[in-house]
Amino acid sequence: MFNKRLIMHFRTYKMYIVIGGIILLLLVLSVIGLRSLESFYRKMTLATMPVQFLMAGIHAAIFVFMYLVFLRGGFAKLDKAPIKGKDVDVRWKDVIGMEAAKQEAWEVVQLIRDRAKLQKIGGKVIKGLLMIGPPGCGKTYLAKAIATEARLPFISMSGSEFVEIFVGVGASRVRKLFSKARNLAFGYGGCILFLDEIDAIGRSRSFSHLGGQETNTTQNQLLAELDGLKGKEENVIVIAATNAPEESIDPALKRPGRFDRMIYITRPNLEDREKIFEYYLSKIKVKKNIDIGRLARRAVYKTPADIANLVKESALIATRRKKDEIDWDSISEAFERVELGIKHPLTMTSGEKEMTAYHESGHLMVTYLLHPTDDVFKASIIPRKGTLGAVYHSPTEELHTKSKDSMMADIKTSLGGYVAEKIKIGVTSSGVAGDFRQAMRTAHGMVWMLGMGDSGLIGDFTAVPNDQLSDEIKKQLNDDTNKIFAKCVKEVDELLAKERTILDRFAKELLEKEELEYDEIEAIFKEYGKKPVKKEWTAK
């Protein structure tokens, strides 16, 4: 192993070693030649030596400059220092959740470690691993953990770093990167090369003459290098990550022999979110009475990066308020900051404030009493993100598909503010525009795309050009959409008119406090003997 390390360092610094050797040889020859001269010529040579040294220094500086700019690549220069696996310092236990992805990745670690055993039975080592998933789900973190556990040098580079305005620069950088990885693999027994955001150079190639030539050239070189990882002494594992959809990645890149294995990393489920909250909260001072389960339920569809950011924001808020530890109020405000935005002081008339209070109370009541999957966590009439108020609600659990009941409830929730304004004042405001837009979009999708209308028309009619649909079909589809809309308005109107006392109570509370938390909302509903309507999502 020592000899291999020696050879590896020689390969890396051979140009410096050769130049140093030549300089040393010239010095030795100069001394020998100087000693062989007669006294007069020796003195004359010594007298002119300062000028000669100056000229030699200038020539050397020019040579070094030309070498660094051109021979070392110039624009194609690659300054990526490898990191030793032990210095990455991301342990396997630090990767919380994503158990299926971790199991797949652990197999890769074992194959890297037991390479000789695998080759003994005729098997081939995995050369490429492609991780696909939404941003913030831990793809880079998992790659670092693989490097730490495999105890190998780790080189990380982003796909965008290969792209330049000059044709050929990206391909040159790819060659240099893989050359460096092979050299490290020779010296240390293996090397992990991590290419983040590979979609920058890995998207399906365009063969038009209008552009994309540089990206195509870079990708072709990457494909050639992946095929070239065949030497017996090469144990280079290429791990790539992307947020882009799988179908956007070039098929040539995904074929076996290049990226042999694909790992799909998704957002954490409820159990994983609890573990992630516990992990990050364990690193700071937190009050013992904080309900981790409640936090995890509130953070549905949040990624590990989102949760880490929430905890960081909580710590900043607690520090700003001069608290010694994080409490529920700090975390709740962090959620609001991230989800709803920063509070903006805005002077409203008493009429505007009352209308906003009734508008948000309508949303709140419909969500709590009619929505089968969502919980209300907060109601506010403090302006944020260009809105005068907001009701913060989210699903109680991860749902990967929506039933018709759930979509109808989404429409009713959107219409709650409109109906509440109409009941209280008799007219409505411009604040319903966004709600109408969302409700109409949902109703339109139910009928035009999902076949949920009463007319019996089934199919995705948005896939057919509008001019190819008959006027009769379009009329039936639009009638079905309006029926869904009208039905939802009627049911919401009946609910809020029947429960007018509760509507007035919530509006009054919001006018007094401006914000209502989950516990306060729950207490008011219990006071009137109301419970949320939750249904099982089951097939009939």
Protein backbone atom coordinates (compact mmCIF):
# COMPACT_ATOMS: atom_id res chain seq x y z
CA MET A 1 0.00 0.00 0.00
CA PHE A 2 2.90 2.38 0.83
CA ASN A 3 4.43 1.81 -2.62
CA LYS A 4 1.09 2.55 -4.26
CA ARG A 5 0.75 5.79 -2.28
CA LEU A 6 4.26 6.73 -3.40
CA ILE A 7 3.40 6.07 -7.04
CA MET A 8 0.13 7.99 -6.63
CA HIS A 9 1.92 11.07 -5.29
CA PHE A 10 4.50 10.80 -8.08
CA ARG A 11 1.72 10.78 -10.67
CA THR A 12 0.15 13.83 -9.05
CA TYR A 13 3.33 15.90 -8.72
CA LYS A 14 5.46 14.43 -11.52
CA MET A 15 5.73 17.74 -13.39
CA TYR A 16 7.05 19.51 -10.28
CA ILE A 17 9.46 16.62 -9.62
CA VAL A 18 10.77 16.69 -13.21
CA ILE A 19 11.22 20.47 -13.19
CA GLY A 20 12.94 20.31 -9.81
CA GLY A 21 15.23 17.54 -11.06
CA ILE A 22 16.18 19.53 -14.16
CA ILE A 23 16.94 22.62 -12.07
CA LEU A 24 19.08 20.58 -9.69
CA LEU A 25 20.93 18.95 -12.61
CA LEU A 26 21.58 22.34 -14.21
CA LEU A 27 22.92 23.69 -10.90
CA VAL A 28 25.28 20.74 -10.52
CA LEU A 29 26.50 21.06 -14.12
CA SER A 30 26.94 24.82 -13.64
CA VAL A 31 29.08 24.32 -10.54
CA ILE A 32 31.20 21.69 -12.30
CA GLY A 33 31.63 23.93 -15.34
CA LEU A 34 32.46 26.95 -13.18
CA ARG A 35 35.19 25.07 -11.33
CA SER A 36 36.79 23.98 -14.60
CA LEU A 37 37.17 27.57 -15.86
CA GLU A 38 40.37 29.60 -15.60
CA SER A 39 40.56 32.23 -12.85
CA PHE A 40 39.88 35.23 -15.13
CA TYR A 41 36.83 33.71 -16.80
CA ARG A 42 35.53 32.38 -13.49
CA LYS A 43 35.62 35.89 -11.96
CA MET A 44 33.93 37.39 -15.03
CA THR A 45 31.20 34.76 -14.89
CA LEU A 46 30.62 35.36 -11.18
CA ALA A 47 30.40 39.11 -11.82
CA THR A 48 27.64 38.70 -14.40
CA MET A 49 25.77 36.05 -12.41
CA PRO A 50 23.26 38.46 -10.70
CA VAL A 51 22.06 39.66 -14.11
CA GLN A 52 21.88 36.07 -15.37
CA PHE A 53 19.88 35.04 -12.29
CA LEU A 54 17.49 37.95 -12.89
CA MET A 55 16.96 36.95 -16.52
CA ALA A 56 16.55 33.30 -15.54
CA GLY A 57 13.98 34.29 -12.93
CA ILE A 58 11.99 36.26 -15.50
CA HIS A 59 12.08 33.35 -17.94
CA ALA A 60 11.02 30.94 -15.19
CA ALA A 61 8.12 33.18 -14.17
CA ILE A 62 6.92 33.35 -17.79
CA PHE A 63 7.20 29.56 -18.08
CA VAL A 64 5.29 28.96 -14.85
CA PHE A 65 2.57 31.41 -15.90
CA MET A 66 2.16 29.76 -19.31
CA TYR A 67 2.11 26.33 -17.71
CA LEU A 68 -0.55 27.23 -15.14
CA VAL A 69 -2.76 29.02 -17.65
CA PHE A 70 -2.52 26.67 -20.61
CA LEU A 71 -1.01 23.30 -19.72
CA ARG A 72 -2.99 23.14 -16.46
CA GLY A 73 -6.18 24.00 -18.28
CA GLY A 74 -6.93 27.71 -17.94
CA PHE A 75 -10.72 27.73 -18.09
CA ALA A 76 -10.68 23.93 -17.88
CA LYS A 77 -8.59 23.97 -14.70
CA LEU A 78 -10.00 21.72 -11.99
CA ASP A 79 -9.40 22.73 -8.38
CA LYS A 80 -11.13 19.94 -6.50
CA ALA A 81 -9.17 18.69 -3.53
CA PRO A 82 -10.14 15.23 -2.30
CA ILE A 83 -11.45 14.78 1.24
CA LYS A 84 -10.59 11.69 3.24
CA GLY A 85 -13.60 9.63 4.28
CA LYS A 86 -12.81 10.03 7.97
CA ASP A 87 -12.75 13.84 7.54
CA VAL A 88 -16.27 13.95 6.05
CA ASP A 89 -17.54 13.08 9.55
CA VAL A 90 -21.11 12.09 8.66
CA ARG A 91 -21.83 8.78 10.35
CA TRP A 92 -24.46 6.28 9.32
CA LYS A 93 -26.39 6.95 12.53
CA ASP A 94 -26.59 10.65 11.58
CA VAL A 95 -28.72 9.79 8.55
CA ILE A 96 -32.23 9.72 10.05
CA GLY A 97 -35.14 8.02 8.34
CA MET A 98 -35.19 6.85 4.68
CA GLU A 99 -34.59 3.26 5.80
CA ALA A 100 -35.14 1.73 2.35
CA ALA A 101 -32.65 4.12 0.74
CA LYS A 102 -30.14 3.50 3.54
CA GLN A 103 -30.41 -0.25 3.06
CA GLU A 104 -29.67 0.11 -0.66
CA ALA A 105 -26.75 2.43 0.07
CA TRP A 106 -25.38 0.12 2.79
CA GLU A 107 -25.18 -2.69 0.24
CA VAL A 108 -23.00 -0.42 -1.88
CA VAL A 109 -20.74 0.26 1.12
CA GLN A 110 -20.40 -3.47 1.74
CA LEU A 111 -19.56 -4.08 -1.92
CA ILE A 112 -16.86 -1.41 -1.77
CA ARG A 113 -15.37 -3.02 1.33
CA ASP A 114 -15.65 -6.63 0.11
CA ARG A 115 -14.60 -5.97 -3.47
CA ALA A 116 -12.11 -8.85 -3.53
CA LYS A 117 -14.67 -11.32 -2.18
CA LEU A 118 -17.18 -10.27 -4.84
CA GLN A 119 -14.65 -10.60 -7.66
CA LYS A 120 -13.60 -14.01 -6.35
CA ILE A 121 -17.01 -15.44 -7.26
CA GLY A 122 -17.03 -13.63 -10.60
CA GLY A 123 -19.25 -10.71 -9.60
CA LYS A 124 -18.74 -7.13 -10.70
CA VAL A 125 -18.59 -4.13 -8.41
CA ILE A 126 -21.29 -1.47 -8.78
CA LYS A 127 -19.72 1.47 -10.58
CA GLY A 128 -22.55 3.98 -10.47
CA LEU A 129 -25.30 4.96 -8.05
CA LEU A 130 -27.99 7.51 -8.99
CA MET A 131 -30.06 9.09 -6.20
CA ILE A 132 -33.34 10.71 -7.24
CA GLY A 133 -35.64 12.73 -5.00
CA PRO A 134 -36.97 16.16 -3.99
CA PRO A 135 -34.52 18.80 -2.72
CA GLY A 136 -33.63 18.69 0.97
CA CYS A 137 -34.34 14.98 1.48
CA GLY A 138 -30.75 13.99 2.29
CA LYS A 139 -29.15 12.82 -0.96
CA THR A 140 -25.87 14.66 -0.37
CA TYR A 141 -25.93 13.69 3.31
CA LEU A 142 -26.30 10.01 2.39
CA ALA A 143 -23.40 10.25 -0.07
CA LYS A 144 -21.20 11.71 2.68
CA ALA A 145 -22.20 8.89 5.03
CA ILE A 146 -21.22 6.33 2.37
CA ALA A 147 -17.79 7.98 2.06
CA THR A 148 -17.31 7.98 5.85
CA GLU A 149 -18.29 4.33 6.27
CA ALA A 150 -16.27 3.18 3.26
CA ARG A 151 -13.24 5.15 4.57
CA LEU A 152 -12.25 6.28 1.09
CA PRO A 153 -11.28 9.65 -0.45
CA PHE A 154 -14.34 11.68 -1.43
CA ILE A 155 -14.47 14.20 -4.30
CA SER A 156 -17.62 16.30 -4.64
CA MET A 157 -18.54 18.40 -7.67
CA SER A 158 -21.72 20.02 -8.96
CA GLY A 159 -22.96 19.39 -12.48
CA SER A 160 -23.08 23.13 -13.19
CA GLU A 161 -19.30 23.38 -12.59
CA PHE A 162 -18.71 21.52 -15.85
CA VAL A 163 -20.69 23.99 -17.95
CA GLU A 164 -18.86 26.92 -19.58
CA ILE A 165 -19.38 29.17 -22.59
CA PHE A 166 -16.40 27.63 -24.41
CA VAL A 167 -16.96 24.33 -26.21
CA GLY A 168 -14.76 21.52 -24.90
CA VAL A 169 -14.12 22.96 -21.44
CA GLY A 170 -16.72 20.72 -19.76
CA ALA A 171 -15.35 17.57 -21.41
CA SER A 172 -11.83 18.53 -20.34
CA ARG A 173 -12.96 18.97 -16.74
CA VAL A 174 -14.65 15.56 -16.81
CA ARG A 175 -11.43 13.91 -18.03
CA LYS A 176 -9.35 15.62 -15.34
CA LEU A 177 -11.83 14.76 -12.60
CA PHE A 178 -11.88 11.07 -13.46
CA SER A 179 -8.11 11.02 -13.89
CA LYS A 180 -7.74 12.40 -10.36
CA ALA A 181 -10.29 9.89 -9.02
CA ARG A 182 -8.45 6.96 -10.65
CA ASN A 183 -5.16 8.12 -9.22
CA LEU A 184 -6.65 8.32 -5.71
CA ALA A 185 -8.27 4.91 -6.15
CA PHE A 186 -4.86 3.49 -7.06
CA GLY A 187 -3.26 4.94 -3.93
CA TYR A 188 -6.03 4.36 -1.37
CA GLY A 189 -7.75 1.29 -2.79
CA GLY A 190 -10.82 3.21 -3.90
CA CYS A 191 -12.38 6.64 -4.40
CA ILE A 192 -15.94 7.99 -4.25
CA LEU A 193 -16.85 10.62 -6.81
CA PHE A 194 -20.04 12.56 -5.98
CA LEU A 195 -21.73 14.52 -8.78
CA ASP A 196 -24.48 16.71 -7.37
CA GLU A 197 -27.23 18.16 -9.59
CA ILE A 198 -26.17 15.87 -12.44
CA ASP A 199 -29.19 16.99 -14.46
CA ALA A 200 -27.12 20.06 -15.45
CA ILE A 201 -25.12 17.79 -17.78
CA GLY A 202 -27.24 14.63 -17.72
CA ARG A 203 -30.53 15.74 -19.27
CA SER A 204 -31.72 14.07 -22.46
CA ARG A 205 -29.44 15.28 -25.22
CA SER A 206 -30.55 17.72 -27.88
CA PHE A 207 -29.22 17.05 -31.38
CA SER A 208 -30.32 20.34 -32.86
CA HIS A 209 -27.83 22.78 -34.40
CA LEU A 210 -29.33 25.70 -32.47
CA GLY A 211 -27.58 24.99 -29.16
CA GLY A 212 -26.70 22.45 -26.52
CA GLN A 213 -23.45 21.36 -28.19
CA GLU A 214 -21.31 22.03 -25.11
CA THR A 215 -23.69 20.10 -22.82
CA ASN A 216 -23.80 17.21 -25.30
CA THR A 217 -20.00 17.11 -25.51
CA THR A 218 -19.67 17.12 -21.73
CA GLN A 219 -22.25 14.36 -21.35
CA ASN A 220 -20.63 12.23 -24.06
CA GLN A 221 -17.31 12.48 -22.23
CA LEU A 222 -19.02 11.51 -18.97
CA LEU A 223 -20.54 8.45 -20.66
CA ALA A 224 -17.14 7.48 -22.03
CA GLU A 225 -15.49 7.86 -18.62
CA LEU A 226 -18.18 5.75 -16.93
CA ASP A 227 -17.58 3.03 -19.51
CA GLY A 228 -13.85 3.41 -19.00
CA LEU A 229 -13.92 2.39 -15.32
CA LYS A 230 -12.79 -1.14 -16.12
CA GLY A 231 -9.21 -1.37 -14.87
CA LYS A 232 -8.49 -4.00 -12.26
CA GLU A 233 -6.89 -1.45 -9.96
CA GLU A 234 -9.73 1.04 -10.34
CA ASN A 235 -12.28 1.09 -7.56
CA VAL A 236 -13.99 4.37 -8.44
CA ILE A 237 -17.62 4.58 -7.34
CA VAL A 238 -19.61 7.38 -8.98
CA ILE A 239 -22.57 8.63 -6.95
CA ALA A 240 -24.86 11.16 -8.62
CA ALA A 241 -27.86 13.05 -7.27
CA THR A 242 -30.65 14.99 -8.95
CA ASN A 243 -33.91 16.75 -8.09
CA ALA A 244 -35.14 16.46 -11.67
CA PRO A 245 -37.73 13.86 -12.73
CA GLU A 246 -36.23 10.52 -13.73
CA GLU A 247 -37.62 10.76 -17.27
CA SER A 248 -35.63 13.96 -17.89
CA ILE A 249 -32.30 12.12 -17.40
CA ASP A 250 -30.73 10.78 -20.61
CA PRO A 251 -31.45 7.03 -21.02
CA ALA A 252 -27.81 6.38 -21.97
CA LEU A 253 -26.76 7.59 -18.55
CA LYS A 254 -29.18 5.30 -16.70
CA ARG A 255 -28.38 2.08 -18.50
CA PRO A 256 -26.73 -0.83 -16.59
CA GLY A 257 -22.96 -0.60 -16.60
CA ARG A 258 -22.99 3.14 -16.00
CA PHE A 259 -25.39 3.91 -13.18
CA ASP A 260 -26.16 0.34 -12.13
CA ARG A 261 -28.46 1.23 -9.27
CA MET A 262 -31.03 3.96 -8.68
CA ILE A 263 -32.13 4.95 -5.19
CA TYR A 264 -35.38 6.88 -4.78
CA ILE A 265 -35.36 9.17 -1.75
CA THR A 266 -38.73 10.55 -0.67
CA ARG A 267 -39.96 12.91 2.03
CA PRO A 268 -39.95 11.40 5.54
CA ASN A 269 -43.10 9.82 6.99
CA LEU A 270 -44.52 10.59 10.44
CA GLU A 271 -42.21 8.21 12.30
CA ASP A 272 -39.13 9.52 10.48
CA ARG A 273 -40.13 13.14 11.13
CA GLU A 274 -40.34 12.40 14.86
CA LYS A 275 -36.81 10.95 14.76
CA ILE A 276 -35.52 13.95 12.80
CA PHE A 277 -37.06 16.42 15.26
CA GLU A 278 -35.58 14.45 18.17
CA TYR A 279 -32.16 14.48 16.48
CA TYR A 280 -32.03 18.22 15.85
CA LEU A 281 -33.70 19.23 19.13
CA SER A 282 -31.20 17.08 21.06
CA LYS A 283 -28.44 19.44 19.90
CA ILE A 284 -30.00 22.49 21.60
CA LYS A 285 -31.71 23.36 24.88
CA VAL A 286 -35.43 22.59 24.71
CA LYS A 287 -38.24 22.54 27.29
CA LYS A 288 -39.17 19.00 28.27
CA ASN A 289 -42.91 19.47 27.75
CA ILE A 290 -42.68 19.92 23.96
CA ASP A 291 -44.77 17.28 22.16
CA ILE A 292 -42.54 15.83 19.42
CA GLY A 293 -45.45 13.86 17.95
CA ARG A 294 -47.49 17.03 17.53
CA LEU A 295 -44.56 18.74 15.84
CA ALA A 296 -44.18 15.82 13.43
CA ARG A 297 -47.90 15.88 12.58
CA ARG A 298 -47.72 19.58 11.89
CA ALA A 299 -44.71 19.09 9.60
CA VAL A 300 -46.44 16.85 7.02
CA TYR A 301 -44.54 16.81 3.68
CA LYS A 302 -41.59 18.63 5.25
CA THR A 303 -38.10 17.45 4.26
CA PRO A 304 -35.20 16.93 6.70
CA ALA A 305 -33.75 20.23 5.48
CA ASP A 306 -37.06 21.98 6.24
CA ILE A 307 -37.09 20.51 9.76
CA ALA A 308 -33.48 21.53 10.37
CA ASN A 309 -34.38 25.06 9.24
CA LEU A 310 -37.42 25.14 11.56
CA VAL A 311 -35.26 24.19 14.55
CA LYS A 312 -32.66 26.79 13.58
CA GLU A 313 -35.35 29.49 13.28
CA SER A 314 -36.75 28.44 16.67
CA ALA A 315 -33.34 28.91 18.28
CA LEU A 316 -32.98 32.36 16.70
CA ILE A 317 -36.44 33.41 17.91
CA ALA A 318 -35.76 32.14 21.45
CA THR A 319 -32.44 34.00 21.53
CA ARG A 320 -34.09 37.20 20.28
CA ARG A 321 -36.63 36.93 23.10
CA LYS A 322 -33.82 36.34 25.62
CA LYS A 323 -35.00 32.85 26.57
CA ASP A 324 -32.64 30.23 27.96
CA GLU A 325 -34.30 27.39 26.06
CA ILE A 326 -36.69 26.78 23.18
CA ASP A 327 -40.38 26.48 24.08
CA TRP A 328 -43.51 25.72 22.07
CA ASP A 329 -44.13 29.41 21.29
CA SER A 330 -40.69 29.70 19.67
CA ILE A 331 -41.27 26.64 17.49
CA SER A 332 -44.80 27.74 16.59
CA GLU A 333 -43.53 31.15 15.51
CA ALA A 334 -40.82 29.44 13.45
CA PHE A 335 -43.52 27.47 11.61
CA GLU A 336 -45.39 30.71 10.93
CA ARG A 337 -42.27 32.45 9.68
CA VAL A 338 -41.49 29.66 7.25
CA GLU A 339 -45.05 28.86 6.12
CA LEU A 340 -46.86 32.19 6.32
CA GLY A 341 -44.04 34.71 6.13
CA ILE A 342 -43.01 37.63 8.31
CA LYS A 343 -45.70 39.78 9.92
CA HIS A 344 -46.17 43.09 8.13
CA PRO A 345 -47.69 45.96 10.11
CA LEU A 346 -50.60 47.33 8.10
CA THR A 347 -53.21 49.84 9.16
CA MET A 348 -56.72 48.54 8.40
CA THR A 349 -60.05 50.21 8.99
CA SER A 350 -62.38 48.61 11.54
CA GLY A 351 -64.61 47.45 8.67
CA GLU A 352 -61.71 45.74 6.85
CA LYS A 353 -60.56 44.09 10.03
CA GLU A 354 -64.06 42.78 10.82
CA MET A 355 -64.50 41.43 7.28
CA THR A 356 -61.09 39.72 7.48
CA ALA A 357 -61.99 38.18 10.84
CA TYR A 358 -65.23 36.71 9.45
CA HIS A 359 -63.47 35.60 6.26
CA GLU A 360 -60.82 33.62 8.17
CA SER A 361 -63.41 32.30 10.65
CA GLY A 362 -65.32 30.85 7.69
CA HIS A 363 -62.21 29.06 6.42
CA LEU A 364 -61.45 27.81 9.93
CA MET A 365 -64.92 26.37 10.61
CA VAL A 366 -65.29 24.63 7.25
CA THR A 367 -61.85 23.05 7.53
CA TYR A 368 -62.44 21.82 11.08
CA LEU A 369 -66.01 20.57 10.62
CA LEU A 370 -66.06 19.32 7.02
CA HIS A 371 -62.55 18.42 5.86
CA PRO A 372 -61.86 14.67 6.24
CA THR A 373 -58.06 14.87 6.20
CA ASP A 374 -56.89 18.33 7.35
CA ASP A 375 -56.37 19.83 10.81
CA VAL A 376 -56.39 23.54 11.65
CA PHE A 377 -53.27 24.67 13.52
CA LYS A 378 -53.65 28.45 13.56
CA ALA A 379 -55.87 31.33 12.47
CA SER A 380 -54.59 34.89 12.10
CA ILE A 381 -55.73 38.29 10.86
CA ILE A 382 -52.21 39.74 10.92
CA PRO A 383 -51.08 40.64 7.35
CA ARG A 384 -48.42 38.34 5.86
CA LYS A 385 -47.11 37.79 2.31
CA GLY A 386 -49.58 40.25 0.79
CA THR A 387 -52.63 38.71 2.51
CA LEU A 388 -54.70 40.28 5.29
CA GLY A 389 -55.10 36.99 7.16
CA ALA A 390 -54.59 33.25 6.97
CA VAL A 391 -55.75 29.91 8.35
CA TYR A 392 -52.90 27.47 8.64
CA HIS A 393 -54.01 23.88 8.07
CA SER A 394 -52.31 20.73 6.86
CA PRO A 395 -53.09 17.02 6.39
CA THR A 396 -53.02 14.87 9.51
CA GLU A 397 -51.01 12.24 7.61
CA GLU A 398 -49.25 11.71 4.31
CA LEU A 399 -51.69 11.18 1.46
CA HIS A 400 -50.43 10.14 -1.95
CA THR A 401 -53.80 10.32 -3.66
CA LYS A 402 -57.01 12.29 -3.11
CA SER A 403 -60.57 11.00 -2.93
CA LYS A 404 -63.55 12.87 -4.36
CA ASP A 405 -64.69 13.71 -0.80
CA SER A 406 -61.31 15.24 -0.02
CA MET A 407 -61.31 17.33 -3.19
CA MET A 408 -64.87 18.51 -2.51
CA ALA A 409 -63.72 19.48 1.00
CA ASP A 410 -60.84 21.49 -0.53
CA ILE A 411 -63.38 23.46 -2.57
CA LYS A 412 -65.61 24.03 0.46
CA THR A 413 -62.63 25.21 2.51
CA SER A 414 -61.73 27.72 -0.20
CA LEU A 415 -65.34 28.98 -0.30
CA GLY A 416 -65.68 29.32 3.49
CA GLY A 417 -64.39 32.91 3.51
CA TYR A 418 -66.74 34.02 0.70
CA VAL A 419 -69.84 32.55 2.39
CA ALA A 420 -68.90 33.97 5.82
CA GLU A 421 -68.53 37.48 4.35
CA LYS A 422 -71.89 37.17 2.61
CA ILE A 423 -73.66 35.97 5.80
CA LYS A 424 -72.27 38.79 7.94
CA ILE A 425 -72.25 41.77 5.58
CA GLY A 426 -74.43 40.74 2.65
CA VAL A 427 -71.73 41.56 0.09
CA THR A 428 -68.26 40.17 -0.53
CA SER A 429 -64.80 41.68 -0.98
CA SER A 430 -61.90 41.32 -3.40
CA GLY A 431 -60.29 39.01 -0.84
CA VAL A 432 -62.23 36.07 -2.30
CA ALA A 433 -60.43 36.22 -5.68
CA GLY A 434 -57.63 33.82 -4.73
CA ASP A 435 -60.09 31.46 -3.02
CA PHE A 436 -62.32 31.37 -6.11
CA ARG A 437 -59.32 30.71 -8.33
CA GLN A 438 -58.22 27.75 -6.22
CA ALA A 439 -61.75 26.34 -5.89
CA MET A 440 -62.48 26.65 -9.61
CA ARG A 441 -59.16 25.02 -10.52
CA THR A 442 -59.99 22.04 -8.30
CA ALA A 443 -63.55 21.69 -9.63
CA HIS A 444 -62.34 22.00 -13.23
CA GLY A 445 -59.72 19.28 -12.68
CA MET A 446 -62.28 16.95 -11.09
CA VAL A 447 -64.52 17.14 -14.15
CA TRP A 448 -62.16 17.71 -17.08
CA MET A 449 -59.37 15.37 -15.95
CA LEU A 450 -60.72 12.86 -13.41
CA GLY A 451 -64.22 12.03 -14.66
CA MET A 452 -65.96 13.09 -11.42
CA GLY A 453 -68.85 14.98 -13.03
CA ASP A 454 -72.54 13.95 -12.91
CA SER A 455 -72.92 13.72 -16.71
CA GLY A 456 -70.93 10.48 -16.88
CA LEU A 457 -68.23 11.82 -19.21
CA ILE A 458 -64.97 10.01 -18.39
CA GLY A 459 -61.44 10.84 -19.50
CA ASP A 460 -58.79 13.54 -19.44
CA PHE A 461 -60.28 16.11 -21.77
CA THR A 462 -57.39 18.52 -21.20
CA ALA A 463 -55.25 16.13 -23.29
CA VAL A 464 -57.46 16.83 -26.32
CA PRO A 465 -56.98 20.14 -28.20
CA ASN A 466 -59.86 22.47 -27.36
CA ASP A 467 -60.90 22.91 -31.01
CA GLN A 468 -61.33 19.13 -31.35
CA LEU A 469 -63.94 18.96 -28.58
CA SER A 470 -67.55 19.47 -29.64
CA ASP A 471 -69.53 22.35 -28.17
CA GLU A 472 -71.93 19.84 -26.63
CA ILE A 473 -69.16 18.03 -24.72
CA LYS A 474 -67.64 21.31 -23.53
CA LYS A 475 -71.07 22.48 -22.35
CA GLN A 476 -71.63 19.25 -20.40
CA LEU A 477 -68.19 19.52 -18.79
CA ASN A 478 -68.70 23.16 -17.84
CA ASP A 479 -72.18 22.38 -16.47
CA ASP A 480 -70.69 19.60 -14.30
CA THR A 481 -68.03 22.01 -13.02
CA ASN A 482 -70.65 24.62 -12.11
CA LYS A 483 -72.79 21.97 -10.39
CA ILE A 484 -69.88 20.97 -8.14
CA PHE A 485 -69.19 24.63 -7.39
CA ALA A 486 -72.84 25.42 -6.61
CA LYS A 487 -73.25 22.30 -4.46
CA CYS A 488 -70.22 23.25 -2.35
CA VAL A 489 -71.45 26.83 -1.90
CA LYS A 490 -74.85 25.55 -0.77
CA GLU A 491 -73.40 23.11 1.80
CA VAL A 492 -71.03 25.73 3.23
CA ASP A 493 -73.84 28.28 3.41
CA GLU A 494 -76.06 25.81 5.29
CA LEU A 495 -73.26 24.95 7.74
CA LEU A 496 -72.25 28.53 8.59
CA ALA A 497 -75.86 29.75 8.81
CA LYS A 498 -76.68 26.90 11.19
CA GLU A 499 -73.57 27.53 13.30
CA ARG A 500 -73.77 31.35 13.16
CA THR A 501 -73.14 31.60 16.91
CA ILE A 502 -69.77 29.82 16.60
CA LEU A 503 -68.90 31.93 13.54
CA ASP A 504 -69.53 35.14 15.50
CA ARG A 505 -67.52 33.79 18.44
CA PHE A 506 -64.45 33.04 16.33
CA ALA A 507 -64.65 36.41 14.60
CA LYS A 508 -64.87 38.14 17.99
CA GLU A 509 -61.87 36.18 19.33
CA LEU A 510 -59.81 37.05 16.27
CA LEU A 511 -60.69 40.74 16.55
CA GLU A 512 -59.56 40.72 20.18
CA LYS A 513 -56.45 38.51 19.95
CA GLU A 514 -55.61 38.71 16.21
CA GLU A 515 -54.32 35.12 16.35
CA LEU A 516 -55.73 31.84 17.64
CA GLU A 517 -53.57 28.78 18.31
CA TYR A 518 -54.57 25.12 17.93
CA ASP A 519 -55.43 24.70 21.64
CA GLU A 520 -57.64 27.82 21.66
CA ILE A 521 -59.49 26.70 18.51
CA GLU A 522 -60.02 23.22 19.93
CA ALA A 523 -61.31 24.64 23.24
CA ILE A 524 -63.95 26.84 21.54
CA PHE A 525 -65.28 23.96 19.45
CA LYS A 526 -65.44 21.73 22.54
CA GLU A 527 -67.32 24.47 24.36
CA TYR A 528 -70.07 24.19 21.74
CA GLY A 529 -69.87 20.38 21.63
CA LYS A 530 -68.42 20.19 18.14
CA LYS A 531 -65.95 17.59 16.90
CA PRO A 532 -64.05 17.41 13.61
CA VAL A 533 -65.49 15.15 10.93
CA LYS A 534 -62.76 12.66 10.03
CA LYS A 535 -63.39 9.81 7.64
CA GLU A 536 -61.41 6.77 6.65
CA TRP A 537 -60.13 6.91 3.06
CA THR A 538 -61.48 3.51 1.98
CA ALA A 539 -62.63 2.02 -1.28
CA LYS A 540 -66.37 1.48 -1.60
